[in-house]
Amino acid sequence: MRLTPLLIEDAPCYLSAADERTLVLRGLQISFVESFAQSDDVNEALDLTDNDIRVLTVNTPMKRLQTLLLARNQISSIDANIGALLPNLKSLSLLHNNLSGLPDLVPLRHCTKLDSLYLAHNKVTALPYYKEFVIWLLPSVTILDFDAIKPKHRQTSKELLGTFAEPTPLATQLLNNVKLEPLQQPVVVESAQQVRLTDAEKEALKKDLLNASSLEEIERIELALQRGYIE
């Protein structure tokens, strides 16, 4: 299913136990995280569990988002710019996905506020030095797969892998030629300027709705009438 503006508009929302406004888009067979407008950046948490998403990305920066739930999807890669798109991300659940290599995790290093990361039931977790690599790559993380990271774990990771500035041969081998690129700010391009509807335009859209012949056209008109503007 395509994630449309109308689907986002109609999705249930609740206040979590962590006092986070949570938008729920579970189990909808969504393949891409798209159609979010900058005006939709009002949620601290986004629940996309049980979908068909293959790439961890979003189509526009979400500066308020702190918790992202993506368990039981098909994610096998992560957008290199995810840190700029989700600059305040603190908790990320990727349980039961398709991440298979340690270099696949490198984009997460720019999520500098990430505190809790859940990767159980991905092939990557069975690789040698998985835990040490994640601790080295993501120094802000304190919870990995439901276990607390202790000072002794950080010391072991440092001894094995060194630092970003001076990685050990083992760290270089585990990176498999993937470079630790600097963070690039995403370029957000507005598709069109929002135009407020007049009363006459609203009436015209209501008539167009009666004659609409496709689901996409119906959703576009209904959303414009709900929001009071067109894009």
C-alpha atoms as a PDB file:
ATOM      1  CA  MET A   1       0.000   0.000   0.000  1.00  0.00           C
ATOM      2  CA  ARG A   2       1.152   3.512  -0.735  1.00  0.00           C
ATOM      3  CA  LEU A   3       1.527   5.878   2.229  1.00  0.00           C
ATOM      4  CA  THR A   4      -0.621   8.821   1.150  1.00  0.00           C
ATOM      5  CA  PRO A   5      -1.249  12.197   2.805  1.00  0.00           C
ATOM      6  CA  LEU A   6      -4.812  11.089   3.547  1.00  0.00           C
ATOM      7  CA  LEU A   7      -3.603   7.911   5.248  1.00  0.00           C
ATOM      8  CA  ILE A   8      -1.296   9.990   7.433  1.00  0.00           C
ATOM      9  CA  GLU A   9      -4.115  12.425   8.179  1.00  0.00           C
ATOM     10  CA  ASP A  10      -6.487   9.645   9.264  1.00  0.00           C
ATOM     11  CA  ALA A  11      -3.970   7.513  11.203  1.00  0.00           C
ATOM     12  CA  PRO A  12      -4.636   7.028  14.933  1.00  0.00           C
ATOM     13  CA  CYS A  13      -2.495   8.951  17.371  1.00  0.00           C
ATOM     14  CA  TYR A  14      -2.042   8.481  21.110  1.00  0.00           C
ATOM     15  CA  LEU A  15       0.096   9.645  24.029  1.00  0.00           C
ATOM     16  CA  SER A  16       2.505   6.869  25.039  1.00  0.00           C
ATOM     17  CA  ALA A  17       3.616   5.924  28.544  1.00  0.00           C
ATOM     18  CA  ALA A  18       6.776   7.911  27.807  1.00  0.00           C
ATOM     19  CA  ASP A  19       4.566  10.960  27.208  1.00  0.00           C
ATOM     20  CA  GLU A  20       5.292  10.902  23.463  1.00  0.00           C
ATOM     21  CA  ARG A  21       2.699  11.793  20.849  1.00  0.00           C
ATOM     22  CA  THR A  22       2.720   8.615  18.732  1.00  0.00           C
ATOM     23  CA  LEU A  23       1.425   8.255  15.165  1.00  0.00           C
ATOM     24  CA  VAL A  24       0.396   4.660  14.405  1.00  0.00           C
ATOM     25  CA  LEU A  25       0.818   3.230  10.893  1.00  0.00           C
ATOM     26  CA  ARG A  26       1.140  -0.470  11.750  1.00  0.00           C
ATOM     27  CA  GLY A  27       0.360  -3.397   9.473  1.00  0.00           C
ATOM     28  CA  LEU A  28      -0.599  -1.466   6.345  1.00  0.00           C
ATOM     29  CA  GLN A  29       1.831  -3.099   3.852  1.00  0.00           C
ATOM     30  CA  ILE A  30       3.582   0.252   3.388  1.00  0.00           C
ATOM     31  CA  SER A  31       6.698   0.007   1.187  1.00  0.00           C
ATOM     32  CA  PHE A  32       8.077   3.554   1.371  1.00  0.00           C
ATOM     33  CA  VAL A  33       8.025   6.268   4.034  1.00  0.00           C
ATOM     34  CA  GLU A  34       6.711   9.072   1.860  1.00  0.00           C
ATOM     35  CA  SER A  35       4.076  11.817   1.687  1.00  0.00           C
ATOM     36  CA  PHE A  36       5.017  13.455   4.992  1.00  0.00           C
ATOM     37  CA  ALA A  37       4.886  17.248   4.793  1.00  0.00           C
ATOM     38  CA  GLN A  38       6.936  19.555   6.989  1.00  0.00           C
ATOM     39  CA  SER A  39       3.654  20.487   8.666  1.00  0.00           C
ATOM     40  CA  ASP A  40       3.326  16.822   9.779  1.00  0.00           C
ATOM     41  CA  ASP A  41       6.378  17.132  12.042  1.00  0.00           C
ATOM     42  CA  VAL A  42       4.318  17.104  15.247  1.00  0.00           C
ATOM     43  CA  ASN A  43       4.979  13.601  16.608  1.00  0.00           C
ATOM     44  CA  GLU A  44       7.651  12.415  19.021  1.00  0.00           C
ATOM     45  CA  ALA A  45       7.130   8.772  18.019  1.00  0.00           C
ATOM     46  CA  LEU A  46       6.237   6.968  14.793  1.00  0.00           C
ATOM     47  CA  ASP A  47       5.065   3.343  14.768  1.00  0.00           C
ATOM     48  CA  LEU A  48       5.596   1.617  11.406  1.00  0.00           C
ATOM     49  CA  THR A  49       5.737  -1.941  12.746  1.00  0.00           C
ATOM     50  CA  ASP A  50       4.610  -4.809  10.468  1.00  0.00           C
ATOM     51  CA  ASN A  51       4.991  -3.202   7.046  1.00  0.00           C
ATOM     52  CA  ASP A  52       7.065  -3.896   3.910  1.00  0.00           C
ATOM     53  CA  ILE A  53       9.601  -1.064   4.177  1.00  0.00           C
ATOM     54  CA  ARG A  54      12.995  -1.935   2.665  1.00  0.00           C
ATOM     55  CA  VAL A  55      15.036   1.235   3.243  1.00  0.00           C
ATOM     56  CA  LEU A  56      15.256   3.177   6.497  1.00  0.00           C
ATOM     57  CA  THR A  57      14.587   6.717   5.336  1.00  0.00           C
ATOM     58  CA  VAL A  58      11.975   9.473   5.445  1.00  0.00           C
ATOM     59  CA  ASN A  59      11.047  11.929   2.730  1.00  0.00           C
ATOM     60  CA  THR A  60      11.418  15.074   4.845  1.00  0.00           C
ATOM     61  CA  PRO A  61      13.311  16.004   8.023  1.00  0.00           C
ATOM     62  CA  MET A  62      11.424  15.194  11.238  1.00  0.00           C
ATOM     63  CA  LYS A  63      13.045  17.253  13.964  1.00  0.00           C
ATOM     64  CA  ARG A  64      10.550  16.325  16.695  1.00  0.00           C
ATOM     65  CA  LEU A  65      10.786  12.573  16.191  1.00  0.00           C
ATOM     66  CA  GLN A  66      12.552  10.753  19.037  1.00  0.00           C
ATOM     67  CA  THR A  67      11.245   7.176  18.763  1.00  0.00           C
ATOM     68  CA  LEU A  68      10.956   5.153  15.554  1.00  0.00           C
ATOM     69  CA  LEU A  69       9.433   1.657  15.588  1.00  0.00           C
ATOM     70  CA  LEU A  70      10.190  -0.430  12.492  1.00  0.00           C
ATOM     71  CA  ALA A  71      10.092  -4.019  13.737  1.00  0.00           C
ATOM     72  CA  ARG A  72       9.005  -6.737  11.294  1.00  0.00           C
ATOM     73  CA  ASN A  73       9.681  -4.925   8.037  1.00  0.00           C
ATOM     74  CA  GLN A  74      12.083  -5.847   5.201  1.00  0.00           C
ATOM     75  CA  ILE A  75      14.768  -3.237   5.874  1.00  0.00           C
ATOM     76  CA  SER A  76      18.139  -4.126   4.359  1.00  0.00           C
ATOM     77  CA  SER A  77      19.729  -0.670   4.059  1.00  0.00           C
ATOM     78  CA  ILE A  78      19.802   2.697   5.806  1.00  0.00           C
ATOM     79  CA  ASP A  79      19.800   6.127   4.165  1.00  0.00           C
ATOM     80  CA  ALA A  80      23.265   7.690   4.440  1.00  0.00           C
ATOM     81  CA  ASN A  81      21.564  10.929   5.470  1.00  0.00           C
ATOM     82  CA  ILE A  82      19.380   9.477   8.224  1.00  0.00           C
ATOM     83  CA  GLY A  83      21.145  11.507  10.919  1.00  0.00           C
ATOM     84  CA  ALA A  84      20.219  14.776   9.228  1.00  0.00           C
ATOM     85  CA  LEU A  85      16.677  13.638   8.505  1.00  0.00           C
ATOM     86  CA  LEU A  86      16.084  12.519  12.118  1.00  0.00           C
ATOM     87  CA  PRO A  87      18.436  14.737  14.156  1.00  0.00           C
ATOM     88  CA  ASN A  88      16.773  14.053  17.533  1.00  0.00           C
ATOM     89  CA  LEU A  89      16.232  10.300  17.222  1.00  0.00           C
ATOM     90  CA  LYS A  90      16.790   8.596  20.591  1.00  0.00           C
ATOM     91  CA  SER A  91      15.235   5.134  20.263  1.00  0.00           C
ATOM     92  CA  LEU A  92      15.194   2.923  17.166  1.00  0.00           C
ATOM     93  CA  SER A  93      13.638  -0.533  16.869  1.00  0.00           C
ATOM     94  CA  LEU A  94      14.694  -2.588  13.848  1.00  0.00           C
ATOM     95  CA  LEU A  95      13.798  -5.999  15.275  1.00  0.00           C
ATOM     96  CA  HIS A  96      13.123  -8.747  12.697  1.00  0.00           C
ATOM     97  CA  ASN A  97      14.511  -7.039   9.584  1.00  0.00           C
ATOM     98  CA  ASN A  98      17.079  -7.917   6.893  1.00  0.00           C
ATOM     99  CA  LEU A  99      20.224  -6.034   7.904  1.00  0.00           C
ATOM    100  CA  SER A 100      23.036  -8.470   7.170  1.00  0.00           C
ATOM    101  CA  GLY A 101      26.394  -6.654   7.260  1.00  0.00           C
ATOM    102  CA  LEU A 102      28.170  -4.452   9.793  1.00  0.00           C
ATOM    103  CA  PRO A 103      28.784  -1.727   7.163  1.00  0.00           C
ATOM    104  CA  ASP A 104      24.981  -1.502   6.746  1.00  0.00           C
ATOM    105  CA  LEU A 105      24.896   0.168  10.176  1.00  0.00           C
ATOM    106  CA  VAL A 106      27.411   2.926   9.389  1.00  0.00           C
ATOM    107  CA  PRO A 107      24.791   5.607   8.501  1.00  0.00           C
ATOM    108  CA  LEU A 108      23.497   5.431  12.081  1.00  0.00           C
ATOM    109  CA  ARG A 109      26.711   6.998  13.381  1.00  0.00           C
ATOM    110  CA  HIS A 110      25.287  10.423  12.527  1.00  0.00           C
ATOM    111  CA  CYS A 111      22.317   9.836  14.853  1.00  0.00           C
ATOM    112  CA  THR A 112      24.300  11.422  17.659  1.00  0.00           C
ATOM    113  CA  LYS A 113      21.429  11.371  20.188  1.00  0.00           C
ATOM    114  CA  LEU A 114      20.582   7.700  19.663  1.00  0.00           C
ATOM    115  CA  ASP A 115      20.379   6.053  23.079  1.00  0.00           C
ATOM    116  CA  SER A 116      18.506   2.762  22.539  1.00  0.00           C
ATOM    117  CA  LEU A 117      18.976   0.477  19.526  1.00  0.00           C
ATOM    118  CA  TYR A 118      17.216  -2.847  18.924  1.00  0.00           C
ATOM    119  CA  LEU A 119      18.551  -5.086  16.145  1.00  0.00           C
ATOM    120  CA  ALA A 120      17.729  -8.596  17.372  1.00  0.00           C
ATOM    121  CA  HIS A 121      16.619 -11.059  14.677  1.00  0.00           C
ATOM    122  CA  ASN A 122      18.713  -9.428  11.953  1.00  0.00           C
ATOM    123  CA  LYS A 123      21.515 -11.507  10.420  1.00  0.00           C
ATOM    124  CA  VAL A 124      24.020  -8.808  11.354  1.00  0.00           C
ATOM    125  CA  THR A 125      23.712  -9.678  15.048  1.00  0.00           C
ATOM    126  CA  ALA A 126      25.266 -13.115  14.457  1.00  0.00           C
ATOM    127  CA  LEU A 127      28.488 -11.687  12.986  1.00  0.00           C
ATOM    128  CA  PRO A 128      31.773 -11.703  14.921  1.00  0.00           C
ATOM    129  CA  TYR A 129      32.435  -8.441  16.799  1.00  0.00           C
ATOM    130  CA  TYR A 130      28.848  -7.234  16.253  1.00  0.00           C
ATOM    131  CA  LYS A 131      28.454  -5.817  19.759  1.00  0.00           C
ATOM    132  CA  GLU A 132      31.930  -4.272  19.849  1.00  0.00           C
ATOM    133  CA  PHE A 133      31.395  -2.700  16.434  1.00  0.00           C
ATOM    134  CA  VAL A 134      28.067  -1.100  17.383  1.00  0.00           C
ATOM    135  CA  ILE A 135      29.524   0.273  20.625  1.00  0.00           C
ATOM    136  CA  TRP A 136      32.473   1.715  18.680  1.00  0.00           C
ATOM    137  CA  LEU A 137      30.293   3.114  15.901  1.00  0.00           C
ATOM    138  CA  LEU A 138      27.590   4.596  18.154  1.00  0.00           C
ATOM    139  CA  PRO A 139      29.145   5.941  21.362  1.00  0.00           C
ATOM    140  CA  SER A 140      25.852   7.570  22.437  1.00  0.00           C
ATOM    141  CA  VAL A 141      24.015   4.219  22.651  1.00  0.00           C
ATOM    142  CA  THR A 142      23.514   2.930  26.208  1.00  0.00           C
ATOM    143  CA  ILE A 143      20.991   0.138  25.479  1.00  0.00           C
ATOM    144  CA  LEU A 144      21.684  -2.430  22.741  1.00  0.00           C
ATOM    145  CA  ASP A 145      19.190  -5.231  22.178  1.00  0.00           C
ATOM    146  CA  PHE A 146      17.668  -4.759  25.658  1.00  0.00           C
ATOM    147  CA  ASP A 147      21.062  -4.973  27.401  1.00  0.00           C
ATOM    148  CA  ALA A 148      22.834  -2.061  29.080  1.00  0.00           C
ATOM    149  CA  ILE A 149      26.259  -1.162  27.717  1.00  0.00           C
ATOM    150  CA  LYS A 150      28.759  -1.106  30.579  1.00  0.00           C
ATOM    151  CA  PRO A 151      32.154   0.626  30.859  1.00  0.00           C
ATOM    152  CA  LYS A 152      33.941  -2.715  30.429  1.00  0.00           C
ATOM    153  CA  HIS A 153      32.156  -3.215  27.086  1.00  0.00           C
ATOM    154  CA  ARG A 154      33.318   0.211  25.897  1.00  0.00           C
ATOM    155  CA  GLN A 155      36.876  -0.527  26.992  1.00  0.00           C
ATOM    156  CA  THR A 156      36.918  -3.817  25.086  1.00  0.00           C
ATOM    157  CA  SER A 157      35.515  -2.106  22.008  1.00  0.00           C
ATOM    158  CA  LYS A 158      38.175   0.610  22.148  1.00  0.00           C
ATOM    159  CA  GLU A 159      40.986  -1.905  22.559  1.00  0.00           C
ATOM    160  CA  LEU A 160      39.778  -3.907  19.556  1.00  0.00           C
ATOM    161  CA  LEU A 161      38.759  -1.113  17.193  1.00  0.00           C
ATOM    162  CA  GLY A 162      40.545   2.065  18.271  1.00  0.00           C
ATOM    163  CA  THR A 163      38.956   5.417  17.440  1.00  0.00           C
ATOM    164  CA  PHE A 164      37.346   6.967  14.362  1.00  0.00           C
ATOM    165  CA  ALA A 165      40.495   9.024  13.828  1.00  0.00           C
ATOM    166  CA  GLU A 166      42.794   6.023  14.305  1.00  0.00           C
ATOM    167  CA  PRO A 167      40.903   2.788  13.623  1.00  0.00           C
ATOM    168  CA  THR A 168      42.694  -0.501  14.133  1.00  0.00           C
ATOM    169  CA  PRO A 169      43.224  -2.910  11.222  1.00  0.00           C
ATOM    170  CA  LEU A 170      40.285  -4.933  12.587  1.00  0.00           C
ATOM    171  CA  ALA A 171      37.996  -1.881  12.446  1.00  0.00           C
ATOM    172  CA  THR A 172      39.080  -1.203   8.870  1.00  0.00           C
ATOM    173  CA  GLN A 173      38.405  -4.822   7.984  1.00  0.00           C
ATOM    174  CA  LEU A 174      34.922  -4.747   9.548  1.00  0.00           C
ATOM    175  CA  LEU A 175      34.062  -1.528   7.701  1.00  0.00           C
ATOM    176  CA  ASN A 176      34.875  -3.361   4.446  1.00  0.00           C
ATOM    177  CA  ASN A 177      36.001  -0.208   2.592  1.00  0.00           C
ATOM    178  CA  VAL A 178      32.955   1.814   3.686  1.00  0.00           C
ATOM    179  CA  LYS A 179      34.189   5.319   4.484  1.00  0.00           C
ATOM    180  CA  LEU A 180      32.994   7.271   7.511  1.00  0.00           C
ATOM    181  CA  GLU A 181      31.645  10.173   5.492  1.00  0.00           C
ATOM    182  CA  PRO A 182      30.810  13.544   7.101  1.00  0.00           C
ATOM    183  CA  LEU A 183      27.156  14.329   7.686  1.00  0.00           C
ATOM    184  CA  GLN A 184      25.417  16.138   4.830  1.00  0.00           C
ATOM    185  CA  GLN A 185      22.339  18.240   5.493  1.00  0.00           C
ATOM    186  CA  PRO A 186      19.379  17.099   3.377  1.00  0.00           C
ATOM    187  CA  VAL A 187      17.978  19.371   0.720  1.00  0.00           C
ATOM    188  CA  VAL A 188      14.229  19.702   1.156  1.00  0.00           C
ATOM    189  CA  VAL A 189      12.428  20.711  -2.005  1.00  0.00           C
ATOM    190  CA  GLU A 190       8.849  21.827  -1.697  1.00  0.00           C
ATOM    191  CA  SER A 191       6.765  20.328  -4.489  1.00  0.00           C
ATOM    192  CA  ALA A 192       4.643  23.436  -4.674  1.00  0.00           C
ATOM    193  CA  GLN A 193       3.588  26.379  -2.567  1.00  0.00           C
ATOM    194  CA  GLN A 194       0.553  25.818  -0.403  1.00  0.00           C
ATOM    195  CA  VAL A 195      -2.444  27.813  -1.609  1.00  0.00           C
ATOM    196  CA  ARG A 196      -5.349  28.542   0.729  1.00  0.00           C
ATOM    197  CA  LEU A 197      -8.724  27.578  -0.722  1.00  0.00           C
ATOM    198  CA  THR A 198     -11.444  30.160  -1.198  1.00  0.00           C
ATOM    199  CA  ASP A 199     -15.089  29.284  -0.513  1.00  0.00           C
ATOM    200  CA  ALA A 200     -15.747  29.102  -4.247  1.00  0.00           C
ATOM    201  CA  GLU A 201     -12.811  26.737  -4.746  1.00  0.00           C
ATOM    202  CA  LYS A 202     -14.072  24.506  -1.942  1.00  0.00           C
ATOM    203  CA  GLU A 203     -17.480  24.228  -3.616  1.00  0.00           C
ATOM    204  CA  ALA A 204     -15.815  23.450  -6.940  1.00  0.00           C
ATOM    205  CA  LEU A 205     -13.735  20.714  -5.311  1.00  0.00           C
ATOM    206  CA  LYS A 206     -16.852  19.166  -3.782  1.00  0.00           C
ATOM    207  CA  LYS A 207     -18.320  18.902  -7.277  1.00  0.00           C
ATOM    208  CA  ASP A 208     -15.060  17.460  -8.599  1.00  0.00           C
ATOM    209  CA  LEU A 209     -15.175  14.866  -5.825  1.00  0.00           C
ATOM    210  CA  LEU A 210     -18.508  13.553  -7.080  1.00  0.00           C
ATOM    211  CA  ASN A 211     -16.996  13.038 -10.531  1.00  0.00           C
ATOM    212  CA  ALA A 212     -13.593  11.710  -9.445  1.00  0.00           C
ATOM    213  CA  SER A 213     -12.698   8.483 -11.243  1.00  0.00           C
ATOM    214  CA  SER A 214      -9.597   7.299  -9.364  1.00  0.00           C
ATOM    215  CA  LEU A 215      -8.737   6.614  -5.749  1.00  0.00           C
ATOM    216  CA  GLU A 216      -5.714   8.923  -5.955  1.00  0.00           C
ATOM    217  CA  GLU A 217      -7.880  11.799  -7.185  1.00  0.00           C
ATOM    218  CA  ILE A 218     -10.465  11.181  -4.449  1.00  0.00           C
ATOM    219  CA  GLU A 219      -7.766  11.190  -1.761  1.00  0.00           C
ATOM    220  CA  ARG A 220      -6.202  14.385  -3.129  1.00  0.00           C
ATOM    221  CA  ILE A 221      -9.524  16.238  -3.142  1.00  0.00           C
ATOM    222  CA  GLU A 222     -10.615  14.958   0.274  1.00  0.00           C
ATOM    223  CA  LEU A 223      -7.300  15.960   1.828  1.00  0.00           C
ATOM    224  CA  ALA A 224      -7.463  19.434   0.284  1.00  0.00           C
ATOM    225  CA  LEU A 225     -10.959  19.914   1.692  1.00  0.00           C
ATOM    226  CA  GLN A 226      -9.871  18.714   5.142  1.00  0.00           C
ATOM    227  CA  ARG A 227      -6.776  20.898   5.330  1.00  0.00           C
ATOM    228  CA  GLY A 228      -8.228  23.922   3.571  1.00  0.00           C
ATOM    229  CA  TYR A 229      -5.396  24.326   1.091  1.00  0.00           C
ATOM    230  CA  ILE A 230      -3.932  22.741  -2.018  1.00  0.00           C
ATOM    231  CA  GLU A 231      -0.300  22.059  -2.848  1.00  0.00           C
END
